[in-house]
Amino acid sequence: MDDTVTNAFWLCIVSLLWGSTNPLIRQGSKGIEDIHRPSRIGQFFAEVLFLVSNWRYLIPFLLNQCGSVVYYLTLASADLSVAVPITNSLTMIITTLTGKLLGEDNINAGTFLGMMLVVSGVSICVMDKTL
């Protein structure tokens, strides 16, 4: 299999990991704003304790970090002119769709059109590098 296609596959996996976990991390961190301590250091440690003891935050966070490891490994052989647009744009699309599935936001016509334009642009970038 061509290196560019292989890298594109792994970058799509990264986007899937990042995009699907972003809304879950956001939901898992709900309640952190209710933590109040008198000192900044106490506040910091109370928030860290809240997050690391909350599986609804911790599991998506760890999956998100797995995506970062895959991204780092893929960048060793990926063309940056393809890697960055694929991951950033597809992560945004997957975050939007996952958020919608979780009941966060509605996808309006403008959002849908934007997502289709992003997919078209990324496809053109990948095709340009593979041809």
N, C-alpha and C. Protein backbone atom coordinates (compact mmCIF):
# COMPACT_ATOMS: atom_id res chain seq x y z
N MET A 1 0.84 -1.18 0.00
CA MET A 1 0.00 0.00 0.00
C MET A 1 0.88 1.24 0.00
N ASP A 2 0.48 2.25 -0.73
CA ASP A 2 1.23 3.48 -0.84
C ASP A 2 1.36 4.14 0.54
N ASP A 3 2.56 4.71 0.81
CA ASP A 3 2.82 5.37 2.09
C ASP A 3 1.81 6.47 2.39
N THR A 4 1.46 7.26 1.37
CA THR A 4 0.53 8.36 1.59
C THR A 4 -0.84 7.86 2.02
N VAL A 5 -1.30 6.80 1.39
CA VAL A 5 -2.60 6.23 1.75
C VAL A 5 -2.55 5.63 3.15
N THR A 6 -1.45 4.96 3.48
CA THR A 6 -1.29 4.40 4.82
C THR A 6 -1.29 5.50 5.86
N ASN A 7 -0.53 6.56 5.60
CA ASN A 7 -0.50 7.69 6.53
C ASN A 7 -1.87 8.34 6.65
N ALA A 8 -2.58 8.48 5.53
CA ALA A 8 -3.92 9.07 5.57
C ALA A 8 -4.85 8.21 6.43
N PHE A 9 -4.71 6.90 6.33
CA PHE A 9 -5.52 6.00 7.16
C PHE A 9 -5.25 6.26 8.64
N TRP A 10 -3.97 6.31 9.03
CA TRP A 10 -3.64 6.51 10.44
C TRP A 10 -4.04 7.90 10.91
N LEU A 11 -3.95 8.88 10.04
CA LEU A 11 -4.38 10.22 10.42
C LEU A 11 -5.90 10.28 10.60
N CYS A 12 -6.62 9.49 9.83
CA CYS A 12 -8.08 9.39 10.03
C CYS A 12 -8.39 8.71 11.36
N ILE A 13 -7.59 7.72 11.74
CA ILE A 13 -7.75 7.08 13.05
C ILE A 13 -7.52 8.10 14.15
N VAL A 14 -6.47 8.92 14.00
CA VAL A 14 -6.19 9.98 14.97
C VAL A 14 -7.39 10.91 15.07
N SER A 15 -7.91 11.33 13.92
CA SER A 15 -9.07 12.23 13.92
C SER A 15 -10.26 11.60 14.61
N LEU A 16 -10.45 10.31 14.39
CA LEU A 16 -11.55 9.60 15.03
C LEU A 16 -11.36 9.57 16.55
N LEU A 17 -10.15 9.28 16.99
CA LEU A 17 -9.87 9.26 18.43
C LEU A 17 -10.04 10.64 19.05
N TRP A 18 -9.45 11.65 18.41
CA TRP A 18 -9.56 13.00 18.95
C TRP A 18 -10.99 13.52 18.89
N GLY A 19 -11.60 13.40 17.72
CA GLY A 19 -12.93 13.97 17.53
C GLY A 19 -14.01 13.32 18.36
N SER A 20 -13.94 12.02 18.53
CA SER A 20 -14.99 11.34 19.29
C SER A 20 -14.81 11.52 20.80
N THR A 21 -13.60 11.78 21.24
CA THR A 21 -13.38 11.94 22.68
C THR A 21 -13.55 13.38 23.16
N ASN A 22 -13.42 14.37 22.27
CA ASN A 22 -13.56 15.76 22.71
C ASN A 22 -14.88 16.04 23.41
N PRO A 23 -16.04 15.68 22.82
CA PRO A 23 -17.30 15.92 23.53
C PRO A 23 -17.42 15.09 24.81
N LEU A 24 -16.85 13.89 24.81
CA LEU A 24 -16.90 13.05 26.01
C LEU A 24 -16.06 13.65 27.14
N ILE A 25 -14.92 14.23 26.79
CA ILE A 25 -14.09 14.92 27.78
C ILE A 25 -14.84 16.12 28.34
N ARG A 26 -15.50 16.85 27.45
CA ARG A 26 -16.27 18.02 27.87
C ARG A 26 -17.38 17.60 28.85
N GLN A 27 -18.08 16.53 28.52
CA GLN A 27 -19.14 16.05 29.42
C GLN A 27 -18.58 15.49 30.72
N GLY A 28 -17.46 14.79 30.62
CA GLY A 28 -16.86 14.20 31.81
C GLY A 28 -16.30 15.21 32.78
N SER A 29 -15.98 16.40 32.29
CA SER A 29 -15.42 17.42 33.18
C SER A 29 -16.50 18.32 33.79
N LYS A 30 -17.77 18.04 33.49
CA LYS A 30 -18.84 18.83 34.11
C LYS A 30 -18.79 18.67 35.62
N GLY A 31 -18.93 19.75 36.30
CA GLY A 31 -18.87 19.76 37.75
C GLY A 31 -17.58 20.33 38.28
N ILE A 32 -16.58 20.45 37.42
CA ILE A 32 -15.30 21.00 37.88
C ILE A 32 -15.44 22.47 38.27
N GLU A 33 -16.40 23.15 37.65
CA GLU A 33 -16.61 24.57 37.96
C GLU A 33 -17.20 24.76 39.36
N ASP A 34 -17.70 23.70 39.97
CA ASP A 34 -18.28 23.78 41.31
C ASP A 34 -17.23 23.60 42.41
N ILE A 35 -16.00 23.30 42.04
CA ILE A 35 -14.93 23.09 43.01
C ILE A 35 -14.32 24.44 43.35
N HIS A 36 -14.28 24.75 44.65
CA HIS A 36 -13.72 26.02 45.10
C HIS A 36 -12.83 25.78 46.31
N ARG A 37 -11.61 26.27 46.23
CA ARG A 37 -10.66 26.20 47.33
C ARG A 37 -10.10 27.60 47.55
N PRO A 38 -9.68 27.90 48.77
CA PRO A 38 -9.22 29.27 49.07
C PRO A 38 -7.90 29.65 48.37
N SER A 39 -7.03 28.69 48.13
CA SER A 39 -5.75 29.04 47.49
C SER A 39 -5.71 28.50 46.07
N ARG A 40 -4.87 29.10 45.26
CA ARG A 40 -4.72 28.65 43.87
C ARG A 40 -4.15 27.24 43.80
N ILE A 41 -3.20 26.95 44.64
CA ILE A 41 -2.60 25.62 44.65
C ILE A 41 -3.63 24.59 45.11
N GLY A 42 -4.38 24.91 46.13
CA GLY A 42 -5.44 24.02 46.60
C GLY A 42 -6.50 23.80 45.52
N GLN A 43 -6.83 24.87 44.81
CA GLN A 43 -7.80 24.78 43.71
C GLN A 43 -7.27 23.86 42.61
N PHE A 44 -6.01 24.05 42.26
CA PHE A 44 -5.39 23.23 41.22
C PHE A 44 -5.45 21.74 41.58
N PHE A 45 -5.00 21.40 42.79
CA PHE A 45 -4.97 20.00 43.19
C PHE A 45 -6.37 19.41 43.36
N ALA A 46 -7.32 20.21 43.80
CA ALA A 46 -8.70 19.73 43.92
C ALA A 46 -9.28 19.42 42.54
N GLU A 47 -8.97 20.26 41.56
CA GLU A 47 -9.45 20.03 40.20
C GLU A 47 -8.79 18.80 39.58
N VAL A 48 -7.49 18.66 39.79
CA VAL A 48 -6.78 17.48 39.27
C VAL A 48 -7.35 16.21 39.90
N LEU A 49 -7.57 16.23 41.19
CA LEU A 49 -8.14 15.07 41.88
C LEU A 49 -9.53 14.75 41.33
N PHE A 50 -10.33 15.78 41.10
CA PHE A 50 -11.66 15.59 40.53
C PHE A 50 -11.57 14.89 39.18
N LEU A 51 -10.65 15.34 38.34
CA LEU A 51 -10.55 14.78 36.99
C LEU A 51 -10.00 13.36 36.98
N VAL A 52 -8.94 13.10 37.74
CA VAL A 52 -8.33 11.76 37.70
C VAL A 52 -9.17 10.72 38.43
N SER A 53 -10.09 11.15 39.27
CA SER A 53 -10.95 10.19 39.96
C SER A 53 -12.30 10.03 39.26
N ASN A 54 -12.47 10.68 38.12
CA ASN A 54 -13.73 10.65 37.38
C ASN A 54 -13.53 9.83 36.11
N TRP A 55 -14.04 8.61 36.08
CA TRP A 55 -13.84 7.74 34.91
C TRP A 55 -14.49 8.30 33.66
N ARG A 56 -15.54 9.09 33.81
CA ARG A 56 -16.20 9.68 32.63
C ARG A 56 -15.30 10.69 31.93
N TYR A 57 -14.34 11.21 32.66
CA TYR A 57 -13.34 12.10 32.08
C TYR A 57 -12.08 11.32 31.70
N LEU A 58 -11.65 10.46 32.59
CA LEU A 58 -10.35 9.80 32.45
C LEU A 58 -10.27 8.87 31.24
N ILE A 59 -11.28 8.06 31.00
CA ILE A 59 -11.24 7.12 29.87
C ILE A 59 -11.18 7.86 28.54
N PRO A 60 -12.07 8.85 28.28
CA PRO A 60 -11.93 9.59 27.01
C PRO A 60 -10.60 10.33 26.91
N PHE A 61 -10.11 10.85 28.03
CA PHE A 61 -8.83 11.55 28.02
C PHE A 61 -7.70 10.62 27.60
N LEU A 62 -7.68 9.41 28.16
CA LEU A 62 -6.63 8.45 27.81
C LEU A 62 -6.73 8.02 26.35
N LEU A 63 -7.94 7.82 25.85
CA LEU A 63 -8.11 7.49 24.43
C LEU A 63 -7.64 8.65 23.55
N ASN A 64 -7.93 9.86 23.98
CA ASN A 64 -7.48 11.05 23.26
C ASN A 64 -5.95 11.08 23.20
N GLN A 65 -5.31 10.74 24.30
CA GLN A 65 -3.85 10.73 24.34
C GLN A 65 -3.28 9.61 23.48
N CYS A 66 -3.99 8.50 23.36
CA CYS A 66 -3.57 7.44 22.43
C CYS A 66 -3.55 7.98 21.01
N GLY A 67 -4.55 8.81 20.68
CA GLY A 67 -4.56 9.47 19.38
C GLY A 67 -3.33 10.35 19.18
N SER A 68 -2.91 11.01 20.24
CA SER A 68 -1.71 11.85 20.16
C SER A 68 -0.46 11.02 19.89
N VAL A 69 -0.38 9.85 20.49
CA VAL A 69 0.76 8.96 20.26
C VAL A 69 0.77 8.49 18.81
N VAL A 70 -0.39 8.08 18.30
CA VAL A 70 -0.48 7.64 16.90
C VAL A 70 -0.11 8.79 15.97
N TYR A 71 -0.56 9.99 16.29
CA TYR A 71 -0.24 11.17 15.48
C TYR A 71 1.27 11.40 15.45
N TYR A 72 1.90 11.34 16.61
CA TYR A 72 3.34 11.53 16.71
C TYR A 72 4.09 10.50 15.87
N LEU A 73 3.68 9.25 15.96
CA LEU A 73 4.34 8.19 15.20
C LEU A 73 4.10 8.35 13.70
N THR A 74 2.91 8.77 13.32
CA THR A 74 2.59 8.93 11.90
C THR A 74 3.33 10.12 11.29
N LEU A 75 3.55 11.16 12.08
CA LEU A 75 4.25 12.34 11.55
C LEU A 75 5.68 12.03 11.12
N ALA A 76 6.25 10.95 11.62
CA ALA A 76 7.61 10.58 11.23
C ALA A 76 7.70 10.30 9.74
N SER A 77 6.63 9.80 9.14
CA SER A 77 6.68 9.47 7.71
C SER A 77 5.63 10.21 6.88
N ALA A 78 4.82 11.03 7.51
CA ALA A 78 3.74 11.71 6.79
C ALA A 78 4.21 13.04 6.21
N ASP A 79 3.59 13.41 5.13
CA ASP A 79 3.80 14.73 4.53
C ASP A 79 2.97 15.73 5.33
N LEU A 80 3.62 16.72 5.92
CA LEU A 80 2.91 17.68 6.77
C LEU A 80 1.83 18.45 6.02
N SER A 81 2.02 18.63 4.71
CA SER A 81 1.01 19.36 3.95
C SER A 81 -0.28 18.57 3.82
N VAL A 82 -0.24 17.27 4.12
CA VAL A 82 -1.44 16.44 4.13
C VAL A 82 -1.86 16.13 5.57
N ALA A 83 -0.88 15.89 6.44
CA ALA A 83 -1.17 15.46 7.81
C ALA A 83 -1.99 16.48 8.58
N VAL A 84 -1.58 17.72 8.53
CA VAL A 84 -2.27 18.75 9.32
C VAL A 84 -3.70 18.99 8.84
N PRO A 85 -3.93 19.18 7.52
CA PRO A 85 -5.33 19.38 7.10
C PRO A 85 -6.23 18.18 7.39
N ILE A 86 -5.71 16.96 7.19
CA ILE A 86 -6.54 15.78 7.45
C ILE A 86 -6.95 15.74 8.92
N THR A 87 -5.98 15.81 9.80
CA THR A 87 -6.31 15.65 11.21
C THR A 87 -7.16 16.79 11.75
N ASN A 88 -6.78 18.02 11.46
CA ASN A 88 -7.53 19.15 12.01
C ASN A 88 -8.96 19.21 11.49
N SER A 89 -9.13 19.05 10.20
CA SER A 89 -10.47 19.19 9.63
C SER A 89 -11.36 18.01 9.98
N LEU A 90 -10.83 16.81 9.88
CA LEU A 90 -11.66 15.65 10.21
C LEU A 90 -11.96 15.57 11.70
N THR A 91 -11.04 16.03 12.53
CA THR A 91 -11.31 16.08 13.97
C THR A 91 -12.48 17.01 14.25
N MET A 92 -12.51 18.16 13.57
CA MET A 92 -13.62 19.10 13.75
C MET A 92 -14.94 18.48 13.33
N ILE A 93 -14.94 17.77 12.21
CA ILE A 93 -16.17 17.14 11.72
C ILE A 93 -16.64 16.06 12.69
N ILE A 94 -15.72 15.22 13.13
CA ILE A 94 -16.09 14.12 14.03
C ILE A 94 -16.54 14.66 15.38
N THR A 95 -15.90 15.73 15.86
CA THR A 95 -16.33 16.36 17.10
C THR A 95 -17.76 16.88 16.97
N THR A 96 -18.05 17.52 15.84
CA THR A 96 -19.40 18.05 15.60
C THR A 96 -20.43 16.92 15.57
N LEU A 97 -20.13 15.86 14.84
CA LEU A 97 -21.07 14.74 14.73
C LEU A 97 -21.25 14.01 16.06
N THR A 98 -20.16 13.80 16.78
CA THR A 98 -20.26 13.14 18.09
C THR A 98 -21.05 14.00 19.07
N GLY A 99 -20.79 15.30 19.05
CA GLY A 99 -21.55 16.21 19.90
C GLY A 99 -23.03 16.15 19.59
N LYS A 100 -23.36 16.08 18.31
CA LYS A 100 -24.77 15.96 17.90
C LYS A 100 -25.36 14.66 18.42
N LEU A 101 -24.63 13.56 18.30
CA LEU A 101 -25.12 12.26 18.79
C LEU A 101 -25.34 12.28 20.31
N LEU A 102 -24.55 13.08 21.01
CA LEU A 102 -24.67 13.18 22.46
C LEU A 102 -25.67 14.26 22.89
N GLY A 103 -26.31 14.90 21.90
CA GLY A 103 -27.33 15.90 22.19
C GLY A 103 -26.80 17.28 22.51
N GLU A 104 -25.57 17.59 22.11
CA GLU A 104 -24.99 18.89 22.43
C GLU A 104 -25.52 20.02 21.54
N ASP A 105 -25.32 19.92 20.26
CA ASP A 105 -25.69 21.00 19.35
C ASP A 105 -26.44 20.44 18.16
N ASN A 106 -27.24 21.30 17.56
CA ASN A 106 -27.88 20.94 16.30
C ASN A 106 -26.96 21.30 15.15
N ILE A 107 -26.99 20.50 14.11
CA ILE A 107 -26.20 20.78 12.92
C ILE A 107 -27.13 21.50 11.94
N ASN A 108 -26.81 22.77 11.66
CA ASN A 108 -27.64 23.52 10.72
C ASN A 108 -27.07 23.39 9.31
N ALA A 109 -27.75 24.01 8.35
CA ALA A 109 -27.34 23.90 6.94
C ALA A 109 -25.93 24.44 6.72
N GLY A 110 -25.58 25.53 7.39
CA GLY A 110 -24.24 26.10 7.25
C GLY A 110 -23.16 25.16 7.76
N THR A 111 -23.42 24.53 8.89
CA THR A 111 -22.46 23.56 9.44
C THR A 111 -22.30 22.38 8.51
N PHE A 112 -23.42 21.88 7.99
CA PHE A 112 -23.38 20.74 7.08
C PHE A 112 -22.61 21.09 5.80
N LEU A 113 -22.89 22.26 5.24
CA LEU A 113 -22.17 22.70 4.04
C LEU A 113 -20.68 22.82 4.33
N GLY A 114 -20.34 23.40 5.46
CA GLY A 114 -18.93 23.52 5.84
C GLY A 114 -18.25 22.17 5.96
N MET A 115 -18.94 21.21 6.55
CA MET A 115 -18.36 19.87 6.68
C MET A 115 -18.13 19.23 5.32
N MET A 116 -19.05 19.42 4.40
CA MET A 116 -18.90 18.86 3.05
C MET A 116 -17.74 19.53 2.31
N LEU A 117 -17.58 20.83 2.49
CA LEU A 117 -16.46 21.53 1.87
C LEU A 117 -15.12 21.05 2.45
N VAL A 118 -15.10 20.80 3.75
CA VAL A 118 -13.88 20.29 4.39
C VAL A 118 -13.52 18.92 3.83
N VAL A 119 -14.51 18.03 3.73
CA VAL A 119 -14.27 16.70 3.18
C VAL A 119 -13.75 16.80 1.75
N SER A 120 -14.34 17.69 0.97
CA SER A 120 -13.89 17.88 -0.42
C SER A 120 -12.46 18.38 -0.47
N GLY A 121 -12.14 19.35 0.36
CA GLY A 121 -10.79 19.91 0.38
C GLY A 121 -9.74 18.90 0.80
N VAL A 122 -10.04 18.13 1.84
CA VAL A 122 -9.10 17.11 2.30
C VAL A 122 -8.93 16.03 1.24
N SER A 123 -10.01 15.65 0.59
CA SER A 123 -9.93 14.65 -0.48
C SER A 123 -9.03 15.13 -1.61
N ILE A 124 -9.16 16.38 -1.97
CA ILE A 124 -8.31 16.95 -3.03
C ILE A 124 -6.85 16.93 -2.60
N CYS A 125 -6.57 17.29 -1.34
CA CYS A 125 -5.19 17.27 -0.83
C CYS A 125 -4.60 15.86 -0.92
N VAL A 126 -5.36 14.87 -0.49
CA VAL A 126 -4.87 13.49 -0.51
C VAL A 126 -4.68 13.02 -1.94
N MET A 127 -5.65 13.30 -2.82
CA MET A 127 -5.53 12.87 -4.22
C MET A 127 -4.33 13.53 -4.89
N ASP A 128 -4.08 14.80 -4.57
CA ASP A 128 -2.94 15.50 -5.16
C ASP A 128 -1.63 14.83 -4.78
N LYS A 129 -1.54 14.34 -3.56
CA LYS A 129 -0.30 13.71 -3.10
C LYS A 129 -0.15 12.27 -3.59
N THR A 130 -1.26 11.62 -3.93
CA THR A 130 -1.17 10.22 -4.35
C THR A 130 -1.05 10.07 -5.86
N LEU A 131 -1.40 11.10 -6.62
CA LEU A 131 -1.34 10.99 -8.08
C LEU A 131 -0.01 11.42 -8.63
